[in-house]
Amino acid sequence: MPEAGCLVTDGLIWLPLFVGTAILLLGRFTLFRLRLAGRGPPIPGLPSIKSLLHHGRYRGIPVRFVEGLDHDGGAFRRTGGRGAILLRADLAERADIDALAILEHELGHAERDLPAPRILRRAIGALFVAGLGVAALEPSYARVGALAMQIAVAIAALRLLRDEGAATEYALRALWARDLPRRAWRAAISRLAAAFGTYCADVALVAAAVGALTVVLECRAV
């Protein structure tokens, strides 16, 4: 069993991450969730999101409206070629700024995401599992195993946040080019910021879990 003194001492090193994670999670389940559940003002002259599509495509990317989509309104799937945008079915007839921001954000993924070959994803997963195995089975190498876990999580987290940030920036540029009313523009910014904040909270939670696991594994070796 890890010594309590070691757990406290090593845990203090990770305290800023734990506190930051708690703050982000509080925002995720209050402010962010409240904003993502809302609906911004209508866009003048826009009949519906579906009216923006040409033969089922938006700027060359296929768009599919899906019932019960388990996302904050939209998702992007790179299943072949340039991929496809998936939108929650109820967005088809909407004409508000939130619906348009979701569409532009997912298009941003199609245009700005970094390549994610399967071999890279498997390598990151293998690095994490190998690090966990070493740290758990060989206490004398706990620091080495923990470092491997942290590197794997950091690579995956940075890639996710980079892609989300790039898609958000793309959506903001596209919406700015539409010369939207000030109220709609403010709503678009708050909507995209809440979505990005949600991803930050999820990444922080994973990082904090790895930090806590690192403390336990390293203290076992003491």
Protein backbone atom coordinates (compact mmCIF):
# COMPACT_ATOMS: atom_id res chain seq x y z
CA MET A 1 0.00 0.00 0.00
CA PRO A 2 1.32 3.49 -0.81
CA GLU A 3 2.34 5.53 2.24
CA ALA A 4 -0.06 8.33 3.14
CA GLY A 5 2.79 10.83 3.49
CA CYS A 6 4.03 10.06 -0.02
CA LEU A 7 0.54 10.39 -1.45
CA VAL A 8 0.11 13.81 0.15
CA THR A 9 3.57 15.07 -0.84
CA ASP A 10 3.38 13.87 -4.44
CA GLY A 11 -0.27 14.89 -4.69
CA LEU A 12 0.65 18.50 -3.89
CA ILE A 13 2.78 18.56 -7.04
CA TRP A 14 -0.35 17.88 -9.09
CA LEU A 15 -2.57 20.20 -7.03
CA PRO A 16 -2.73 23.01 -9.66
CA LEU A 17 -3.97 20.49 -12.23
CA PHE A 18 -6.55 19.09 -9.81
CA VAL A 19 -7.84 22.56 -8.93
CA GLY A 20 -7.92 23.65 -12.58
CA THR A 21 -9.80 20.49 -13.50
CA ALA A 22 -12.38 21.10 -10.76
CA ILE A 23 -12.97 24.65 -12.03
CA LEU A 24 -13.34 23.49 -15.64
CA LEU A 25 -15.72 20.69 -14.65
CA LEU A 26 -17.82 23.15 -12.67
CA GLY A 27 -18.03 25.31 -15.79
CA ARG A 28 -18.76 22.30 -17.98
CA PHE A 29 -21.81 21.23 -16.00
CA THR A 30 -23.13 24.74 -15.38
CA LEU A 31 -22.25 27.62 -17.72
CA PHE A 32 -21.07 25.57 -20.69
CA ARG A 33 -23.98 23.14 -20.57
CA LEU A 34 -26.50 25.97 -20.15
CA ARG A 35 -25.11 27.80 -23.19
CA LEU A 36 -24.93 24.69 -25.38
CA ALA A 37 -28.52 23.85 -24.54
CA GLY A 38 -29.69 27.29 -25.63
CA ARG A 39 -30.44 28.70 -29.03
CA GLY A 40 -29.07 31.98 -30.40
CA PRO A 41 -31.00 34.59 -32.41
CA PRO A 42 -32.24 33.84 -35.95
CA ILE A 43 -30.10 34.87 -38.91
CA PRO A 44 -31.79 37.40 -41.20
CA GLY A 45 -32.44 36.00 -44.65
CA LEU A 46 -31.66 32.37 -43.78
CA PRO A 47 -34.66 30.03 -44.28
CA SER A 48 -32.98 27.00 -42.73
CA ILE A 49 -29.69 25.16 -42.46
CA LYS A 50 -30.95 22.68 -45.05
CA SER A 51 -31.33 25.51 -47.55
CA LEU A 52 -27.55 26.06 -47.45
CA LEU A 53 -26.89 22.58 -48.84
CA HIS A 54 -26.38 21.85 -52.53
CA HIS A 55 -27.23 18.25 -53.40
CA GLY A 56 -26.73 17.30 -49.77
CA ARG A 57 -23.33 18.97 -49.53
CA TYR A 58 -21.99 22.08 -47.86
CA ARG A 59 -18.99 23.49 -49.70
CA GLY A 60 -18.30 20.09 -51.14
CA ILE A 61 -18.63 18.11 -47.90
CA PRO A 62 -21.57 15.67 -47.52
CA VAL A 63 -23.96 16.59 -44.71
CA ARG A 64 -26.20 14.00 -43.04
CA PHE A 65 -28.91 14.72 -40.51
CA VAL A 66 -28.95 11.99 -37.87
CA GLU A 67 -31.54 11.17 -35.22
CA GLY A 68 -30.22 10.89 -31.68
CA LEU A 69 -26.74 12.14 -32.43
CA ASP A 70 -24.80 11.90 -29.16
CA HIS A 71 -22.88 15.15 -29.57
CA ASP A 72 -23.51 18.86 -29.00
CA GLY A 73 -25.38 19.06 -32.27
CA GLY A 74 -22.76 17.92 -34.75
CA ALA A 75 -19.76 15.74 -35.51
CA PHE A 76 -17.29 15.13 -38.30
CA ARG A 77 -16.39 11.67 -39.57
CA ARG A 78 -13.47 11.13 -41.92
CA THR A 79 -14.74 7.85 -43.33
CA GLY A 80 -13.34 8.24 -46.82
CA GLY A 81 -12.37 11.03 -49.14
CA ARG A 82 -12.93 14.30 -47.30
CA GLY A 83 -15.32 12.72 -44.81
CA ALA A 84 -18.84 13.75 -43.86
CA ILE A 85 -20.55 16.18 -41.50
CA LEU A 86 -23.16 14.69 -39.17
CA LEU A 87 -25.78 17.05 -37.74
CA ARG A 88 -28.57 16.37 -35.29
CA ALA A 89 -31.81 15.92 -37.21
CA ASP A 90 -33.57 18.90 -35.65
CA LEU A 91 -30.93 21.30 -37.03
CA ALA A 92 -32.18 20.82 -40.60
CA GLU A 93 -35.06 23.29 -40.26
CA ARG A 94 -33.38 25.68 -37.85
CA ALA A 95 -32.08 29.09 -38.96
CA ASP A 96 -30.44 30.41 -35.79
CA ILE A 97 -26.82 31.32 -35.16
CA ASP A 98 -26.15 28.25 -33.02
CA ALA A 99 -27.14 25.89 -35.82
CA LEU A 100 -24.97 27.75 -38.32
CA ALA A 101 -22.03 27.84 -35.89
CA ILE A 102 -22.27 24.06 -35.50
CA LEU A 103 -22.27 23.57 -39.26
CA GLU A 104 -19.28 25.88 -39.80
CA HIS A 105 -17.38 24.27 -36.92
CA GLU A 106 -17.78 20.79 -38.36
CA LEU A 107 -16.72 22.08 -41.77
CA GLY A 108 -13.66 23.47 -39.99
CA HIS A 109 -12.78 19.92 -38.96
CA ALA A 110 -12.98 18.83 -42.60
CA GLU A 111 -10.67 21.64 -43.66
CA ARG A 112 -8.26 21.94 -40.73
CA ASP A 113 -7.93 18.62 -38.87
CA LEU A 114 -4.50 17.03 -38.76
CA PRO A 115 -4.22 13.56 -40.35
CA ALA A 116 -4.86 10.78 -37.82
CA PRO A 117 -3.68 7.49 -39.34
CA ARG A 118 -4.75 4.36 -37.50
CA ILE A 119 -1.13 3.39 -36.83
CA LEU A 120 -0.61 6.65 -34.91
CA ARG A 121 -3.70 6.13 -32.76
CA ARG A 122 -2.62 2.57 -32.02
CA ALA A 123 0.91 3.69 -31.18
CA ILE A 124 -0.41 6.25 -28.67
CA GLY A 125 -2.66 3.63 -27.09
CA ALA A 126 0.17 1.08 -26.98
CA LEU A 127 2.50 3.61 -25.34
CA PHE A 128 -0.06 4.29 -22.62
CA VAL A 129 -0.74 0.59 -21.97
CA ALA A 130 2.97 -0.24 -21.95
CA GLY A 131 3.67 2.56 -19.49
CA LEU A 132 0.83 1.45 -17.23
CA GLY A 133 2.05 -2.15 -17.36
CA VAL A 134 5.63 -1.22 -16.50
CA ALA A 135 4.58 1.09 -13.66
CA ALA A 136 2.16 -1.46 -12.19
CA LEU A 137 4.32 -4.59 -12.53
CA GLU A 138 7.80 -3.17 -11.93
CA PRO A 139 7.65 -0.65 -9.07
CA SER A 140 11.32 0.21 -9.51
CA TYR A 141 10.47 1.56 -12.98
CA ALA A 142 7.30 3.31 -11.88
CA ARG A 143 8.60 6.76 -12.88
CA VAL A 144 9.54 5.55 -16.35
CA GLY A 145 6.14 3.92 -16.85
CA ALA A 146 4.31 6.97 -15.54
CA LEU A 147 6.28 9.20 -17.89
CA ALA A 148 5.28 7.02 -20.85
CA MET A 149 1.62 7.29 -19.81
CA GLN A 150 1.88 11.06 -19.47
CA ILE A 151 3.51 11.43 -22.89
CA ALA A 152 0.78 9.33 -24.53
CA VAL A 153 -2.00 11.35 -22.90
CA ALA A 154 -0.26 14.64 -23.71
CA ILE A 155 0.06 13.75 -27.42
CA ALA A 156 -3.60 12.73 -27.67
CA ALA A 157 -4.80 15.75 -25.69
CA LEU A 158 -2.75 18.29 -27.62
CA ARG A 159 -3.89 16.86 -30.93
CA LEU A 160 -7.56 16.97 -29.88
CA LEU A 161 -7.33 20.54 -28.59
CA ARG A 162 -5.38 21.64 -31.65
CA ASP A 163 -8.07 20.27 -33.99
CA GLU A 164 -10.90 21.75 -31.92
CA GLY A 165 -9.14 25.10 -31.75
CA ALA A 166 -8.48 25.13 -35.50
CA ALA A 167 -12.11 24.23 -36.27
CA THR A 168 -13.32 26.95 -33.91
CA GLU A 169 -11.07 29.53 -35.56
CA TYR A 170 -12.32 28.43 -38.99
CA ALA A 171 -15.95 28.77 -37.88
CA LEU A 172 -15.35 32.25 -36.46
CA ARG A 173 -13.74 33.41 -39.70
CA ALA A 174 -16.62 32.00 -41.76
CA LEU A 175 -19.24 33.63 -39.53
CA TRP A 176 -17.38 36.96 -39.53
CA ALA A 177 -17.48 36.97 -43.33
CA ARG A 178 -21.29 36.87 -43.19
CA ASP A 179 -21.48 40.32 -41.59
CA LEU A 180 -23.86 39.10 -38.90
CA PRO A 181 -25.77 41.40 -36.54
CA ARG A 182 -23.83 42.16 -33.38
CA ARG A 183 -26.20 40.12 -31.19
CA ALA A 184 -25.81 37.06 -33.40
CA TRP A 185 -22.03 37.49 -33.49
CA ARG A 186 -21.82 37.59 -29.68
CA ALA A 187 -23.99 34.47 -29.49
CA ALA A 188 -21.73 32.65 -31.96
CA ILE A 189 -18.64 33.48 -29.90
CA SER A 190 -20.22 32.32 -26.65
CA ARG A 191 -21.50 29.13 -28.27
CA LEU A 192 -18.13 28.17 -29.76
CA ALA A 193 -16.30 29.15 -26.57
CA ALA A 194 -18.60 26.93 -24.49
CA ALA A 195 -18.01 24.00 -26.83
CA PHE A 196 -14.24 24.46 -26.67
CA GLY A 197 -14.40 24.83 -22.89
CA THR A 198 -16.21 21.50 -22.70
CA TYR A 199 -13.38 19.77 -24.55
CA CYS A 200 -10.84 21.47 -22.26
CA ALA A 201 -12.73 20.16 -19.22
CA ASP A 202 -12.78 16.61 -20.59
CA VAL A 203 -9.06 16.71 -21.39
CA ALA A 204 -8.28 18.11 -17.94
CA LEU A 205 -10.29 15.32 -16.30
CA VAL A 206 -8.27 12.66 -18.13
CA ALA A 207 -5.00 14.44 -17.28
CA ALA A 208 -6.01 14.68 -13.61
CA ALA A 209 -6.89 10.98 -13.54
CA VAL A 210 -3.47 10.13 -14.99
CA GLY A 211 -1.86 12.43 -12.45
CA ALA A 212 -3.64 10.71 -9.58
CA LEU A 213 -2.68 7.30 -10.98
CA THR A 214 0.93 8.47 -11.29
CA VAL A 215 0.99 9.45 -7.63
CA VAL A 216 -0.33 6.04 -6.55
CA LEU A 217 2.04 4.06 -8.78
CA GLU A 218 5.12 6.05 -7.82
CA CYS A 219 4.32 5.89 -4.10
CA ARG A 220 4.03 2.10 -4.31
CA ALA A 221 7.72 2.03 -5.22
CA VAL A 222 8.77 3.99 -2.13
